[in-house]
Amino acid sequence: MCMNAESVIAAYDFTARGNHEVSVRAGEPVRVLEAHDKRGNPEWSLVEARGGQRGYVPSNYLTIMPMRTAPTGTF
């Protein structure tokens, strides 16, 4: 999952089931810290959610939203 010039949000609600996971709500922006778990498994991503909480969420619960760019000639 490429994070350059893109915004990542939770596509679905996810409720943490352990202390290594973090709960997120659909539409919530997250910052992806690692696009895999400690073993290199791409099915889990380490994210930072609102409030600075960090933990794993299923990678397929995340979606990439392209950054909006301003029209040419505007600031």
Protein backbone atom coordinates (compact mmCIF):
# COMPACT_ATOMS: atom_id res chain seq x y z
CA MET A 1 0.00 0.00 0.00
CA CYS A 2 1.65 3.23 -1.13
CA MET A 3 1.09 6.24 1.13
CA ASN A 4 2.73 9.04 -0.89
CA ALA A 5 0.47 12.02 -1.69
CA GLU A 6 -2.56 10.10 -0.50
CA SER A 7 -4.81 10.09 2.53
CA VAL A 8 -5.67 6.78 4.18
CA ILE A 9 -9.00 6.28 5.95
CA ALA A 10 -10.73 3.36 7.60
CA ALA A 11 -13.23 1.86 5.16
CA TYR A 12 -15.06 -0.09 7.88
CA ASP A 13 -15.44 -0.07 11.65
CA PHE A 14 -12.89 -2.28 13.40
CA THR A 15 -12.99 -3.11 17.10
CA ALA A 16 -9.67 -4.05 18.67
CA ARG A 17 -9.64 -7.52 20.19
CA GLY A 18 -6.24 -7.29 21.85
CA ASN A 19 -3.78 -4.72 23.18
CA HIS A 20 -1.74 -4.85 19.94
CA GLU A 21 -4.74 -3.70 17.86
CA VAL A 22 -6.48 -0.31 17.68
CA SER A 23 -10.18 0.41 17.13
CA VAL A 24 -11.13 2.65 14.19
CA ARG A 25 -14.42 3.86 12.75
CA ALA A 26 -15.37 3.97 9.07
CA GLY A 27 -14.28 7.28 7.57
CA GLU A 28 -11.69 7.94 10.27
CA PRO A 29 -8.34 9.14 8.90
CA VAL A 30 -5.34 7.08 9.98
CA ARG A 31 -1.61 7.30 9.41
CA VAL A 32 -0.07 4.05 8.21
CA LEU A 33 3.23 3.49 10.00
CA GLU A 34 3.94 0.02 8.57
CA ALA A 35 2.00 -1.64 5.73
CA HIS A 36 2.62 -5.07 7.34
CA ASP A 37 2.94 -6.66 10.76
CA LYS A 38 6.18 -7.53 12.58
CA ARG A 39 6.46 -10.76 10.60
CA GLY A 40 6.01 -9.01 7.26
CA ASN A 41 2.40 -10.16 6.85
CA PRO A 42 0.63 -7.58 4.62
CA GLU A 43 -2.80 -8.59 5.96
CA TRP A 44 -2.25 -6.32 8.99
CA SER A 45 -1.09 -2.68 9.01
CA LEU A 46 0.33 -0.72 11.92
CA VAL A 47 -1.54 2.58 12.08
CA GLU A 48 -1.79 5.68 14.20
CA ALA A 49 -5.41 6.64 14.80
CA ARG A 50 -6.88 9.79 16.32
CA GLY A 51 -5.49 10.69 19.69
CA GLY A 52 -2.14 9.13 18.77
CA GLN A 53 -3.31 5.59 19.50
CA ARG A 54 -1.20 3.03 17.66
CA GLY A 55 -1.97 -0.56 16.82
CA TYR A 56 -2.76 -3.04 14.08
CA VAL A 57 -5.86 -3.10 11.90
CA PRO A 58 -6.66 -5.44 9.00
CA SER A 59 -5.14 -3.92 5.86
CA ASN A 60 -8.30 -4.60 3.87
CA TYR A 61 -10.20 -2.31 6.29
CA LEU A 62 -8.18 0.65 4.98
CA THR A 63 -8.70 2.60 1.79
CA ILE A 64 -6.59 5.18 -0.01
CA MET A 65 -8.18 8.50 -0.88
CA PRO A 66 -6.22 10.61 -3.40
CA MET A 67 -5.23 14.01 -2.07
CA ARG A 68 -7.32 16.77 -3.54
CA THR A 69 -5.38 19.33 -5.47
CA ALA A 70 -6.34 22.92 -5.96
CA PRO A 71 -7.22 24.01 -9.50
CA THR A 72 -4.38 25.64 -11.42
CA GLY A 73 -3.98 29.31 -10.56
CA THR A 74 -5.54 29.14 -7.10
CA PHE A 75 -3.96 29.02 -3.70
